[in-house]
All heavy atoms as atom14 arrays in JSON, in Angstrom:
{
  "sequence": "VIFLAEAFTRPKVMYWLAKIGFSQSYTYFAWRHTKQELIEYLTE",
  "atom14_mask": [
    [1, 1, 1, 1, 1, 1, 1, 0, 0, 0, 0, 0, 0, 0],
    [1, 1, 1, 1, 1, 1, 1, 1, 0, 0, 0, 0, 0, 0],
    [1, 1, 1, 1, 1, 1, 1, 1, 1, 1, 1, 0, 0, 0],
    [1, 1, 1, 1, 1, 1, 1, 1, 0, 0, 0, 0, 0, 0],
    [1, 1, 1, 1, 1, 0, 0, 0, 0, 0, 0, 0, 0, 0],
    [1, 1, 1, 1, 1, 1, 1, 1, 1, 0, 0, 0, 0, 0],
    [1, 1, 1, 1, 1, 0, 0, 0, 0, 0, 0, 0, 0, 0],
    [1, 1, 1, 1, 1, 1, 1, 1, 1, 1, 1, 0, 0, 0],
    [1, 1, 1, 1, 1, 1, 1, 0, 0, 0, 0, 0, 0, 0],
    [1, 1, 1, 1, 1, 1, 1, 1, 1, 1, 1, 0, 0, 0],
    [1, 1, 1, 1, 1, 1, 1, 0, 0, 0, 0, 0, 0, 0],
    [1, 1, 1, 1, 1, 1, 1, 1, 1, 0, 0, 0, 0, 0],
    [1, 1, 1, 1, 1, 1, 1, 0, 0, 0, 0, 0, 0, 0],
    [1, 1, 1, 1, 1, 1, 1, 1, 0, 0, 0, 0, 0, 0],
    [1, 1, 1, 1, 1, 1, 1, 1, 1, 1, 1, 1, 0, 0],
    [1, 1, 1, 1, 1, 1, 1, 1, 1, 1, 1, 1, 1, 1],
    [1, 1, 1, 1, 1, 1, 1, 1, 0, 0, 0, 0, 0, 0],
    [1, 1, 1, 1, 1, 0, 0, 0, 0, 0, 0, 0, 0, 0],
    [1, 1, 1, 1, 1, 1, 1, 1, 1, 0, 0, 0, 0, 0],
    [1, 1, 1, 1, 1, 1, 1, 1, 0, 0, 0, 0, 0, 0],
    [1, 1, 1, 1, 0, 0, 0, 0, 0, 0, 0, 0, 0, 0],
    [1, 1, 1, 1, 1, 1, 1, 1, 1, 1, 1, 0, 0, 0],
    [1, 1, 1, 1, 1, 1, 0, 0, 0, 0, 0, 0, 0, 0],
    [1, 1, 1, 1, 1, 1, 1, 1, 1, 0, 0, 0, 0, 0],
    [1, 1, 1, 1, 1, 1, 0, 0, 0, 0, 0, 0, 0, 0],
    [1, 1, 1, 1, 1, 1, 1, 1, 1, 1, 1, 1, 0, 0],
    [1, 1, 1, 1, 1, 1, 1, 0, 0, 0, 0, 0, 0, 0],
    [1, 1, 1, 1, 1, 1, 1, 1, 1, 1, 1, 1, 0, 0],
    [1, 1, 1, 1, 1, 1, 1, 1, 1, 1, 1, 0, 0, 0],
    [1, 1, 1, 1, 1, 0, 0, 0, 0, 0, 0, 0, 0, 0],
    [1, 1, 1, 1, 1, 1, 1, 1, 1, 1, 1, 1, 1, 1],
    [1, 1, 1, 1, 1, 1, 1, 1, 1, 1, 1, 0, 0, 0],
    [1, 1, 1, 1, 1, 1, 1, 1, 1, 1, 0, 0, 0, 0],
    [1, 1, 1, 1, 1, 1, 1, 0, 0, 0, 0, 0, 0, 0],
    [1, 1, 1, 1, 1, 1, 1, 1, 1, 0, 0, 0, 0, 0],
    [1, 1, 1, 1, 1, 1, 1, 1, 1, 0, 0, 0, 0, 0],
    [1, 1, 1, 1, 1, 1, 1, 1, 1, 0, 0, 0, 0, 0],
    [1, 1, 1, 1, 1, 1, 1, 1, 0, 0, 0, 0, 0, 0],
    [1, 1, 1, 1, 1, 1, 1, 1, 0, 0, 0, 0, 0, 0],
    [1, 1, 1, 1, 1, 1, 1, 1, 1, 0, 0, 0, 0, 0],
    [1, 1, 1, 1, 1, 1, 1, 1, 1, 1, 1, 1, 0, 0],
    [1, 1, 1, 1, 1, 1, 1, 1, 0, 0, 0, 0, 0, 0],
    [1, 1, 1, 1, 1, 1, 1, 0, 0, 0, 0, 0, 0, 0],
    [1, 1, 1, 1, 1, 1, 1, 1, 1, 0, 0, 0, 0, 0]
  ],
  "atom14_positions": [
    [[-40.56, 41.2, 26.97], [-41.77, 41.12, 27.85], [-41.61, 42.29, 28.97], [-40.56, 42.6, 29.51], [-41.8, 39.7, 28.49], [-42.9, 39.71, 29.54], [-42.17, 38.75, 27.49], [0.0, 0.0, 0.0], [0.0, 0.0, 0.0], [0.0, 0.0, 0.0], [0.0, 0.0, 0.0], [0.0, 0.0, 0.0], [0.0, 0.0, 0.0], [0.0, 0.0, 0.0]],
    [[-42.8, 42.88, 29.33], [-42.89, 43.94, 30.31], [-43.85, 43.39, 31.4], [-44.97, 42.84, 31.21], [-43.56, 45.11, 29.63], [-42.59, 45.76, 28.53], [-43.89, 46.18, 30.67], [-43.13, 46.9, 27.86], [0.0, 0.0, 0.0], [0.0, 0.0, 0.0], [0.0, 0.0, 0.0], [0.0, 0.0, 0.0], [0.0, 0.0, 0.0], [0.0, 0.0, 0.0]],
    [[-43.44, 43.6, 32.65], [-44.11, 43.25, 33.78], [-44.64, 44.52, 34.67], [-43.57, 45.22, 35.05], [-43.41, 42.25, 34.68], [-43.04, 40.87, 34.05], [-41.89, 40.79, 33.34], [-43.85, 39.89, 34.25], [-41.62, 39.57, 32.69], [-43.55, 38.58, 33.65], [-42.52, 38.48, 33.02], [0.0, 0.0, 0.0], [0.0, 0.0, 0.0], [0.0, 0.0, 0.0]],
    [[-45.77, 44.79, 34.9], [-46.29, 45.79, 35.71], [-46.71, 45.24, 36.98], [-47.52, 44.48, 37.15], [-47.43, 46.46, 34.97], [-48.24, 47.45, 35.87], [-47.39, 48.78, 36.24], [-49.5, 48.11, 35.09], [0.0, 0.0, 0.0], [0.0, 0.0, 0.0], [0.0, 0.0, 0.0], [0.0, 0.0, 0.0], [0.0, 0.0, 0.0], [0.0, 0.0, 0.0]],
    [[-46.24, 45.79, 38.09], [-46.58, 45.31, 39.46], [-47.67, 46.18, 39.98], [-47.5, 47.39, 40.23], [-45.24, 45.4, 40.42], [0.0, 0.0, 0.0], [0.0, 0.0, 0.0], [0.0, 0.0, 0.0], [0.0, 0.0, 0.0], [0.0, 0.0, 0.0], [0.0, 0.0, 0.0], [0.0, 0.0, 0.0], [0.0, 0.0, 0.0], [0.0, 0.0, 0.0]],
    [[-48.79, 45.51, 40.31], [-49.86, 46.13, 41.04], [-49.66, 45.81, 42.44], [-50.06, 44.82, 42.88], [-51.24, 45.59, 40.65], [-52.46, 46.23, 41.22], [-53.04, 45.51, 42.28], [-52.67, 44.36, 42.6], [-54.05, 46.04, 42.81], [0.0, 0.0, 0.0], [0.0, 0.0, 0.0], [0.0, 0.0, 0.0], [0.0, 0.0, 0.0], [0.0, 0.0, 0.0]],
    [[-48.95, 46.75, 43.15], [-48.57, 46.37, 44.47], [-48.71, 47.76, 45.39], [-47.9, 48.56, 45.53], [-47.14, 46.11, 44.62], [0.0, 0.0, 0.0], [0.0, 0.0, 0.0], [0.0, 0.0, 0.0], [0.0, 0.0, 0.0], [0.0, 0.0, 0.0], [0.0, 0.0, 0.0], [0.0, 0.0, 0.0], [0.0, 0.0, 0.0], [0.0, 0.0, 0.0]],
    [[-50.0, 47.99, 45.87], [-50.27, 49.19, 46.71], [-49.83, 48.56, 48.14], [-50.81, 48.25, 48.97], [-51.68, 49.51, 46.64], [-52.04, 50.07, 45.24], [-53.0, 49.36, 44.51], [-51.6, 51.14, 44.79], [-53.37, 49.72, 43.21], [-51.91, 51.62, 43.47], [-52.82, 50.98, 42.75], [0.0, 0.0, 0.0], [0.0, 0.0, 0.0], [0.0, 0.0, 0.0]],
    [[-48.57, 48.81, 48.51], [-48.12, 48.17, 49.74], [-47.06, 49.23, 50.32], [-46.96, 50.29, 49.9], [-47.62, 46.81, 49.59], [-47.2, 46.28, 50.8], [-46.55, 46.7, 48.55], [0.0, 0.0, 0.0], [0.0, 0.0, 0.0], [0.0, 0.0, 0.0], [0.0, 0.0, 0.0], [0.0, 0.0, 0.0], [0.0, 0.0, 0.0], [0.0, 0.0, 0.0]],
    [[-46.36, 48.76, 51.17], [-45.29, 49.56, 51.79], [-44.19, 49.92, 50.8], [-43.87, 49.19, 49.92], [-44.61, 48.81, 53.0], [-45.69, 48.47, 53.91], [-45.1, 47.78, 55.36], [-44.24, 46.6, 55.03], [-44.64, 45.35, 54.77], [-45.95, 45.18, 54.65], [-43.78, 44.41, 54.63], [0.0, 0.0, 0.0], [0.0, 0.0, 0.0], [0.0, 0.0, 0.0]],
    [[-43.62, 51.14, 50.93], [-42.72, 51.63, 49.84], [-41.48, 50.63, 49.69], [-41.2, 50.46, 48.48], [-42.29, 53.04, 50.49], [-43.27, 53.43, 51.33], [-43.89, 52.17, 52.01], [0.0, 0.0, 0.0], [0.0, 0.0, 0.0], [0.0, 0.0, 0.0], [0.0, 0.0, 0.0], [0.0, 0.0, 0.0], [0.0, 0.0, 0.0], [0.0, 0.0, 0.0]],
    [[-40.97, 50.14, 50.73], [-39.65, 49.42, 50.54], [-40.07, 48.06, 49.84], [-39.27, 47.44, 48.98], [-39.01, 49.11, 51.85], [-38.39, 50.41, 52.28], [-37.61, 50.2, 53.6], [-36.96, 51.5, 54.17], [-36.22, 51.41, 55.4], [0.0, 0.0, 0.0], [0.0, 0.0, 0.0], [0.0, 0.0, 0.0], [0.0, 0.0, 0.0], [0.0, 0.0, 0.0]],
    [[-41.23, 47.56, 50.04], [-41.69, 46.32, 49.39], [-41.9, 46.6, 47.84], [-41.48, 45.83, 46.97], [-42.96, 45.84, 49.94], [-43.49, 44.59, 49.12], [-42.81, 45.43, 51.35], [0.0, 0.0, 0.0], [0.0, 0.0, 0.0], [0.0, 0.0, 0.0], [0.0, 0.0, 0.0], [0.0, 0.0, 0.0], [0.0, 0.0, 0.0], [0.0, 0.0, 0.0]],
    [[-42.54, 47.8, 47.53], [-42.71, 48.2, 46.13], [-41.29, 48.31, 45.51], [-41.27, 47.92, 44.28], [-43.45, 49.49, 46.11], [-44.91, 49.27, 46.58], [-45.73, 50.88, 46.82], [-45.86, 51.46, 45.15], [0.0, 0.0, 0.0], [0.0, 0.0, 0.0], [0.0, 0.0, 0.0], [0.0, 0.0, 0.0], [0.0, 0.0, 0.0], [0.0, 0.0, 0.0]],
    [[-40.47, 48.92, 46.06], [-39.13, 49.2, 45.56], [-38.29, 47.93, 45.34], [-37.63, 47.73, 44.37], [-38.29, 50.28, 46.3], [-38.98, 51.51, 46.55], [-38.82, 52.34, 47.61], [-39.87, 51.96, 45.58], [-39.33, 53.49, 47.72], [-40.67, 53.14, 45.74], [-40.33, 53.98, 46.76], [-41.0, 55.14, 46.97], [0.0, 0.0, 0.0], [0.0, 0.0, 0.0]],
    [[-38.51, 46.98, 46.27], [-37.79, 45.63, 46.12], [-38.35, 44.89, 44.88], [-37.52, 44.23, 44.21], [-37.95, 44.83, 47.36], [-37.06, 43.73, 47.37], [-37.28, 42.4, 47.13], [-35.66, 43.79, 47.74], [-36.22, 41.62, 47.29], [-35.18, 42.3, 47.56], [-34.7, 44.65, 48.09], [-33.84, 41.93, 47.83], [-33.39, 44.29, 48.37], [-32.95, 42.91, 48.34]],
    [[-39.67, 44.95, 44.73], [-40.23, 44.29, 43.55], [-39.52, 44.91, 42.21], [-39.31, 44.23, 41.28], [-41.74, 44.47, 43.5], [-42.51, 43.64, 44.59], [-43.97, 44.11, 44.61], [-42.41, 42.19, 44.25], [0.0, 0.0, 0.0], [0.0, 0.0, 0.0], [0.0, 0.0, 0.0], [0.0, 0.0, 0.0], [0.0, 0.0, 0.0], [0.0, 0.0, 0.0]],
    [[-39.29, 46.17, 42.25], [-38.76, 46.91, 41.0], [-37.27, 46.27, 40.89], [-36.77, 46.09, 39.86], [-38.72, 48.32, 41.28], [0.0, 0.0, 0.0], [0.0, 0.0, 0.0], [0.0, 0.0, 0.0], [0.0, 0.0, 0.0], [0.0, 0.0, 0.0], [0.0, 0.0, 0.0], [0.0, 0.0, 0.0], [0.0, 0.0, 0.0], [0.0, 0.0, 0.0]],
    [[-36.6, 46.2, 42.01], [-35.17, 45.78, 41.97], [-35.12, 44.4, 41.35], [-34.2, 44.03, 40.55], [-34.6, 45.75, 43.28], [-34.29, 47.23, 43.92], [-33.66, 47.13, 45.31], [-33.47, 48.42, 45.79], [-32.81, 48.41, 47.19], [0.0, 0.0, 0.0], [0.0, 0.0, 0.0], [0.0, 0.0, 0.0], [0.0, 0.0, 0.0], [0.0, 0.0, 0.0]],
    [[-35.98, 43.47, 41.85], [-35.89, 42.08, 41.36], [-36.48, 41.82, 39.98], [-36.4, 40.66, 39.5], [-36.62, 41.16, 42.41], [-38.06, 41.34, 42.34], [-35.92, 41.22, 43.67], [-38.87, 40.45, 43.34], [0.0, 0.0, 0.0], [0.0, 0.0, 0.0], [0.0, 0.0, 0.0], [0.0, 0.0, 0.0], [0.0, 0.0, 0.0], [0.0, 0.0, 0.0]],
    [[-37.0, 42.95, 39.36], [-37.24, 42.66, 37.76], [-38.49, 43.38, 37.25], [-38.55, 43.35, 36.08], [0.0, 0.0, 0.0], [0.0, 0.0, 0.0], [0.0, 0.0, 0.0], [0.0, 0.0, 0.0], [0.0, 0.0, 0.0], [0.0, 0.0, 0.0], [0.0, 0.0, 0.0], [0.0, 0.0, 0.0], [0.0, 0.0, 0.0], [0.0, 0.0, 0.0]],
    [[-39.4, 43.82, 38.07], [-40.59, 44.41, 37.56], [-40.28, 45.58, 36.74], [-39.58, 46.45, 37.17], [-41.62, 44.58, 38.64], [-42.48, 43.35, 39.06], [-41.99, 42.55, 40.09], [-43.53, 42.98, 38.37], [-42.79, 41.55, 40.51], [-44.29, 41.83, 38.67], [-43.86, 41.2, 39.67], [0.0, 0.0, 0.0], [0.0, 0.0, 0.0], [0.0, 0.0, 0.0]],
    [[-40.89, 45.65, 35.62], [-40.54, 46.87, 34.66], [-41.17, 48.06, 35.05], [-40.57, 49.15, 34.83], [-41.09, 46.49, 33.19], [-40.78, 45.16, 32.86], [0.0, 0.0, 0.0], [0.0, 0.0, 0.0], [0.0, 0.0, 0.0], [0.0, 0.0, 0.0], [0.0, 0.0, 0.0], [0.0, 0.0, 0.0], [0.0, 0.0, 0.0], [0.0, 0.0, 0.0]],
    [[-42.46, 48.04, 35.67], [-43.12, 49.29, 36.03], [-43.75, 48.91, 37.34], [-43.99, 47.61, 37.68], [-44.17, 49.72, 34.96], [-43.51, 50.04, 33.62], [-44.62, 50.51, 32.69], [-45.82, 50.44, 33.02], [-44.29, 50.79, 31.35], [0.0, 0.0, 0.0], [0.0, 0.0, 0.0], [0.0, 0.0, 0.0], [0.0, 0.0, 0.0], [0.0, 0.0, 0.0]],
    [[-44.36, 49.88, 38.0], [-45.01, 49.71, 39.26], [-46.14, 50.7, 39.38], [-46.09, 51.87, 39.08], [-44.19, 49.69, 40.47], [-44.91, 49.58, 41.57], [0.0, 0.0, 0.0], [0.0, 0.0, 0.0], [0.0, 0.0, 0.0], [0.0, 0.0, 0.0], [0.0, 0.0, 0.0], [0.0, 0.0, 0.0], [0.0, 0.0, 0.0], [0.0, 0.0, 0.0]],
    [[-47.34, 50.19, 39.99], [-48.27, 51.14, 40.42], [-47.58, 52.07, 41.55], [-46.6, 51.66, 42.11], [-49.56, 50.46, 40.97], [-50.57, 49.88, 39.94], [-49.99, 49.23, 38.88], [-51.8, 50.14, 40.19], [-51.01, 48.65, 37.96], [-52.82, 49.63, 39.29], [-52.28, 48.94, 38.14], [-53.22, 48.44, 37.25], [0.0, 0.0, 0.0], [0.0, 0.0, 0.0]],
    [[-48.24, 52.99, 41.87], [-47.7, 54.02, 42.89], [-48.77, 54.57, 43.88], [-49.99, 54.17, 43.78], [-47.07, 55.15, 42.29], [-48.04, 56.04, 41.64], [-46.07, 54.84, 41.25], [0.0, 0.0, 0.0], [0.0, 0.0, 0.0], [0.0, 0.0, 0.0], [0.0, 0.0, 0.0], [0.0, 0.0, 0.0], [0.0, 0.0, 0.0], [0.0, 0.0, 0.0]],
    [[-48.37, 55.45, 44.62], [-49.31, 56.17, 45.54], [-49.93, 57.51, 44.9], [-50.57, 58.23, 45.69], [-48.69, 56.55, 46.92], [-47.97, 55.48, 47.62], [-46.66, 55.65, 48.11], [-48.65, 54.25, 47.82], [-46.03, 54.62, 48.79], [-47.92, 53.22, 48.55], [-46.73, 53.33, 48.92], [-46.05, 52.42, 49.68], [0.0, 0.0, 0.0], [0.0, 0.0, 0.0]],
    [[-49.73, 57.65, 43.64], [-50.17, 58.9, 43.08], [-51.68, 59.2, 43.44], [-52.04, 60.36, 43.54], [-50.01, 58.74, 41.55], [-50.84, 59.84, 40.77], [-50.29, 61.14, 40.84], [-51.79, 59.56, 40.01], [-50.88, 62.22, 40.11], [-52.51, 60.6, 39.28], [-52.09, 61.92, 39.39], [0.0, 0.0, 0.0], [0.0, 0.0, 0.0], [0.0, 0.0, 0.0]],
    [[-52.49, 58.1, 43.32], [-53.94, 58.37, 43.47], [-54.3, 59.07, 44.75], [-55.3, 59.83, 44.87], [-54.63, 56.97, 43.44], [0.0, 0.0, 0.0], [0.0, 0.0, 0.0], [0.0, 0.0, 0.0], [0.0, 0.0, 0.0], [0.0, 0.0, 0.0], [0.0, 0.0, 0.0], [0.0, 0.0, 0.0], [0.0, 0.0, 0.0], [0.0, 0.0, 0.0]],
    [[-53.36, 58.95, 45.82], [-53.63, 59.53, 47.08], [-52.65, 60.74, 47.45], [-52.6, 61.14, 48.58], [-53.48, 58.49, 48.12], [-54.35, 57.32, 47.94], [-55.75, 57.27, 48.24], [-54.01, 56.04, 47.46], [-56.24, 56.01, 47.82], [-55.21, 55.32, 47.37], [-52.86, 55.51, 46.85], [-55.2, 53.94, 46.87], [-52.89, 54.18, 46.44], [-54.06, 53.54, 46.43]],
    [[-52.11, 61.25, 46.5], [-51.31, 62.42, 46.53], [-52.05, 63.68, 45.87], [-52.07, 63.64, 44.66], [-49.94, 62.35, 45.9], [-49.06, 61.18, 46.6], [-48.79, 61.47, 48.02], [-47.84, 60.44, 48.72], [-48.36, 59.45, 49.43], [-49.7, 59.33, 49.42], [-47.55, 58.52, 49.93], [0.0, 0.0, 0.0], [0.0, 0.0, 0.0], [0.0, 0.0, 0.0]],
    [[-52.51, 64.56, 46.69], [-53.44, 65.49, 46.21], [-52.89, 67.0, 46.36], [-52.99, 67.8, 45.29], [-54.81, 65.44, 46.84], [-55.46, 64.11, 46.77], [-55.82, 63.51, 45.72], [-55.79, 63.27, 47.79], [-56.42, 62.33, 45.75], [-56.32, 62.13, 47.05], [0.0, 0.0, 0.0], [0.0, 0.0, 0.0], [0.0, 0.0, 0.0], [0.0, 0.0, 0.0]],
    [[-52.39, 67.42, 47.44], [-51.94, 68.67, 47.6], [-50.55, 68.99, 46.99], [-49.96, 68.05, 46.56], [-51.74, 68.97, 49.1], [-50.61, 68.24, 49.64], [-53.01, 68.63, 50.02], [0.0, 0.0, 0.0], [0.0, 0.0, 0.0], [0.0, 0.0, 0.0], [0.0, 0.0, 0.0], [0.0, 0.0, 0.0], [0.0, 0.0, 0.0], [0.0, 0.0, 0.0]],
    [[-50.3, 70.19, 46.87], [-49.1, 70.73, 46.12], [-47.91, 70.03, 46.92], [-47.0, 69.45, 46.34], [-49.04, 72.19, 46.2], [-47.89, 72.79, 45.43], [-47.96, 74.29, 45.44], [-46.73, 74.9, 44.64], [-46.95, 76.41, 44.6], [0.0, 0.0, 0.0], [0.0, 0.0, 0.0], [0.0, 0.0, 0.0], [0.0, 0.0, 0.0], [0.0, 0.0, 0.0]],
    [[-47.79, 70.21, 48.24], [-46.69, 69.68, 48.95], [-46.61, 68.2, 48.88], [-45.52, 67.59, 48.76], [-46.91, 70.05, 50.53], [-45.71, 69.87, 51.36], [-44.35, 70.57, 50.87], [-44.53, 71.74, 50.22], [-43.2, 70.06, 50.94], [0.0, 0.0, 0.0], [0.0, 0.0, 0.0], [0.0, 0.0, 0.0], [0.0, 0.0, 0.0], [0.0, 0.0, 0.0]],
    [[-47.79, 67.42, 48.89], [-47.71, 65.96, 48.77], [-47.15, 65.62, 47.4], [-46.29, 64.61, 47.34], [-49.06, 65.45, 48.93], [-49.61, 65.4, 50.3], [-51.11, 65.0, 50.4], [-51.73, 65.05, 49.35], [-51.53, 64.62, 51.44], [0.0, 0.0, 0.0], [0.0, 0.0, 0.0], [0.0, 0.0, 0.0], [0.0, 0.0, 0.0], [0.0, 0.0, 0.0]],
    [[-47.61, 66.28, 46.37], [-47.17, 65.96, 45.1], [-45.55, 66.18, 44.94], [-44.82, 65.36, 44.29], [-47.91, 66.62, 44.06], [-49.36, 66.25, 43.76], [-50.13, 67.22, 42.96], [-49.37, 64.8, 43.08], [0.0, 0.0, 0.0], [0.0, 0.0, 0.0], [0.0, 0.0, 0.0], [0.0, 0.0, 0.0], [0.0, 0.0, 0.0], [0.0, 0.0, 0.0]],
    [[-45.17, 67.34, 45.38], [-43.72, 67.77, 45.24], [-42.82, 66.78, 46.06], [-41.91, 66.35, 45.41], [-43.62, 69.18, 45.74], [-44.18, 70.15, 44.76], [-42.06, 69.49, 45.89], [-44.04, 71.71, 45.18], [0.0, 0.0, 0.0], [0.0, 0.0, 0.0], [0.0, 0.0, 0.0], [0.0, 0.0, 0.0], [0.0, 0.0, 0.0], [0.0, 0.0, 0.0]],
    [[-43.26, 66.4, 47.29], [-42.47, 65.51, 48.05], [-42.32, 64.15, 47.41], [-41.28, 63.53, 47.33], [-42.94, 65.42, 49.41], [-42.81, 66.58, 50.3], [-43.43, 66.58, 51.66], [-43.99, 65.57, 51.98], [-43.26, 67.49, 52.44], [0.0, 0.0, 0.0], [0.0, 0.0, 0.0], [0.0, 0.0, 0.0], [0.0, 0.0, 0.0], [0.0, 0.0, 0.0]],
    [[-43.52, 63.71, 46.92], [-43.53, 62.23, 46.39], [-42.78, 62.17, 45.15], [-41.95, 61.28, 44.86], [-44.91, 61.87, 46.18], [-45.04, 60.33, 45.82], [-44.31, 59.35, 46.47], [-45.95, 60.0, 44.72], [-44.45, 58.06, 46.16], [-45.99, 58.59, 44.37], [-45.24, 57.66, 45.06], [-45.39, 56.35, 44.76], [0.0, 0.0, 0.0], [0.0, 0.0, 0.0]],
    [[-43.0, 63.17, 44.16], [-42.36, 63.14, 42.81], [-40.82, 63.35, 43.04], [-39.95, 62.85, 42.32], [-42.97, 64.08, 41.93], [-44.02, 63.63, 41.04], [-43.61, 62.52, 40.07], [-45.29, 63.12, 41.85], [0.0, 0.0, 0.0], [0.0, 0.0, 0.0], [0.0, 0.0, 0.0], [0.0, 0.0, 0.0], [0.0, 0.0, 0.0], [0.0, 0.0, 0.0]],
    [[-40.4, 64.18, 44.08], [-39.04, 64.47, 44.16], [-38.37, 63.12, 44.66], [-37.25, 62.87, 44.24], [-38.85, 65.54, 45.28], [-39.45, 66.75, 44.78], [-37.41, 65.73, 45.53], [0.0, 0.0, 0.0], [0.0, 0.0, 0.0], [0.0, 0.0, 0.0], [0.0, 0.0, 0.0], [0.0, 0.0, 0.0], [0.0, 0.0, 0.0], [0.0, 0.0, 0.0]],
    [[-38.99, 62.42, 45.55], [-38.37, 61.06, 45.87], [-38.22, 60.15, 44.78], [-37.27, 59.46, 44.59], [-39.37, 60.48, 46.97], [-38.93, 59.1, 47.37], [-39.9, 58.27, 48.26], [-41.0, 58.78, 48.5], [-39.59, 57.2, 48.63], [0.0, 0.0, 0.0], [0.0, 0.0, 0.0], [0.0, 0.0, 0.0], [0.0, 0.0, 0.0], [0.0, 0.0, 0.0]]
  ]
}
């Protein structure tokens, strides 16, 4: 079974949901537009 978390919330909350078992998670990708924003976010 696969669980996808729809959790547009604070980063540490999203990451905790992943730790406790969610298989995948929504992200802030929709709001990362510039080159610097994308590089910083994906590097993290």
